[in-house]
Amino acid sequence: MPTTVADGPFTGAPAWFVTLFIICGIGAVLSVGFRVLAAGRRYQVYRRAGLSPMTHNAQIEAKIAQARFMTESKSVEQRLAELDDLCQRGVISDSERAEARAKILADG
């Protein structure tokens, strides 16, 4: 005959149910603890990088946009020549070269 709980809020419940309930509760507490720990570590990483933890996404996007704006872009001819060179050296296949060439020409 299965064992049941005699007293408390789980009166009459099977013992396995109470055990499962306790294990789930411990798991939930551990999960929240790990999330808090990870958030604290992320906060420290952002601070060390000179970013605000509250607006780090916008700051990173602004830095990326500025970096792209500041870099000199290669001409279409230079990029196509690089593709041809990679294909000749066997780094990429003819089909990869054709695919990349079409993309370069489409993007301009």
Protein backbone atom coordinates (compact mmCIF):
# COMPACT_ATOMS: atom_id res chain seq x y z
CA MET A 1 0.00 0.00 0.00
CA PRO A 2 1.45 3.41 -0.98
CA THR A 3 2.64 5.70 1.79
CA THR A 4 0.74 8.96 2.25
CA VAL A 5 1.43 12.11 4.22
CA ALA A 6 -0.39 12.19 7.56
CA ASP A 7 0.03 15.83 8.54
CA GLY A 8 0.58 19.29 7.07
CA PRO A 9 -0.50 20.97 3.83
CA PHE A 10 -0.07 17.72 1.87
CA THR A 11 -2.30 15.58 4.09
CA GLY A 12 -3.34 12.47 2.20
CA ALA A 13 -0.96 13.08 -0.72
CA PRO A 14 1.32 10.26 -1.82
CA ALA A 15 4.86 10.52 -0.47
CA TRP A 16 6.33 10.52 -4.01
CA PHE A 17 4.28 13.63 -4.82
CA VAL A 18 5.67 15.50 -1.80
CA THR A 19 9.21 14.44 -2.70
CA LEU A 20 8.72 15.58 -6.30
CA PHE A 21 7.29 18.89 -5.08
CA ILE A 22 10.32 19.49 -2.86
CA ILE A 23 12.76 18.58 -5.64
CA CYS A 24 11.00 20.97 -8.04
CA GLY A 25 11.14 23.72 -5.43
CA ILE A 26 14.87 23.22 -4.92
CA GLY A 27 15.36 23.25 -8.70
CA ALA A 28 13.46 26.53 -9.01
CA VAL A 29 15.53 28.15 -6.27
CA LEU A 30 18.79 26.97 -7.90
CA SER A 31 17.61 28.22 -11.29
CA VAL A 32 16.91 31.70 -9.94
CA GLY A 33 20.24 31.69 -8.12
CA PHE A 34 22.17 30.83 -11.28
CA ARG A 35 20.34 33.53 -13.24
CA VAL A 36 21.22 36.14 -10.62
CA LEU A 37 24.84 34.99 -10.62
CA ALA A 38 25.02 35.17 -14.43
CA ALA A 39 23.45 38.65 -14.44
CA GLY A 40 26.05 39.83 -11.93
CA ARG A 41 28.87 38.50 -14.08
CA ARG A 42 27.39 40.13 -17.21
CA TYR A 43 27.17 43.41 -15.30
CA GLN A 44 30.86 43.21 -14.41
CA VAL A 45 31.85 42.40 -18.01
CA TYR A 46 29.90 45.39 -19.35
CA ARG A 47 31.43 47.69 -16.73
CA ARG A 48 34.97 46.52 -17.52
CA ALA A 49 34.29 47.13 -21.21
CA GLY A 50 33.16 50.68 -20.44
CA LEU A 51 29.50 50.02 -21.27
CA SER A 52 26.41 50.80 -19.28
CA PRO A 53 24.64 47.53 -18.36
CA MET A 54 21.28 49.20 -19.01
CA THR A 55 22.04 50.49 -22.52
CA HIS A 56 24.79 48.14 -23.68
CA ASN A 57 22.92 46.98 -26.81
CA ALA A 58 22.53 50.51 -28.14
CA GLN A 59 26.14 51.35 -27.30
CA ILE A 60 27.46 48.25 -29.07
CA GLU A 61 25.29 48.95 -32.14
CA ALA A 62 26.59 52.53 -32.26
CA LYS A 63 30.19 51.31 -32.07
CA ILE A 64 29.60 48.81 -34.88
CA ALA A 65 27.94 51.43 -37.06
CA GLN A 66 30.79 53.85 -36.45
CA ALA A 67 33.39 51.19 -37.21
CA ARG A 68 31.69 50.34 -40.52
CA PHE A 69 31.47 54.02 -41.42
CA MET A 70 35.13 54.63 -40.60
CA THR A 71 36.52 51.67 -42.52
CA GLU A 72 37.40 52.09 -46.15
CA SER A 73 35.36 49.75 -48.31
CA LYS A 74 36.88 47.87 -51.21
CA SER A 75 35.70 48.43 -54.74
CA VAL A 76 33.69 45.83 -56.61
CA GLU A 77 36.70 45.12 -58.82
CA GLN A 78 38.94 44.49 -55.79
CA ARG A 79 36.44 42.10 -54.21
CA LEU A 80 35.99 40.20 -57.49
CA ALA A 81 39.77 39.95 -57.90
CA GLU A 82 40.04 38.54 -54.37
CA LEU A 83 37.40 35.94 -55.23
CA ASP A 84 39.26 34.93 -58.37
CA ASP A 85 42.47 34.60 -56.36
CA LEU A 86 40.78 32.45 -53.70
CA CYS A 87 39.35 30.19 -56.40
CA GLN A 88 42.71 29.84 -58.19
CA ARG A 89 44.41 28.87 -54.92
CA GLY A 90 41.70 26.25 -54.24
CA VAL A 91 40.41 27.93 -51.10
CA ILE A 92 36.87 28.10 -52.51
CA SER A 93 35.16 26.05 -55.20
CA ASP A 94 33.89 27.32 -58.55
CA SER A 95 30.29 27.17 -57.31
CA GLU A 96 31.17 29.17 -54.17
CA ARG A 97 32.98 31.70 -56.35
CA ALA A 98 29.96 32.05 -58.64
CA GLU A 99 27.62 32.48 -55.69
CA ALA A 100 29.83 35.10 -54.02
CA ARG A 101 30.38 36.89 -57.34
CA ALA A 102 26.61 37.17 -57.89
CA LYS A 103 26.17 38.56 -54.38
CA ILE A 104 28.94 41.15 -54.88
CA LEU A 105 27.50 42.27 -58.19
CA ALA A 106 23.98 42.46 -56.74
CA ASP A 107 25.11 44.50 -53.70
CA GLY A 108 27.29 46.80 -55.75
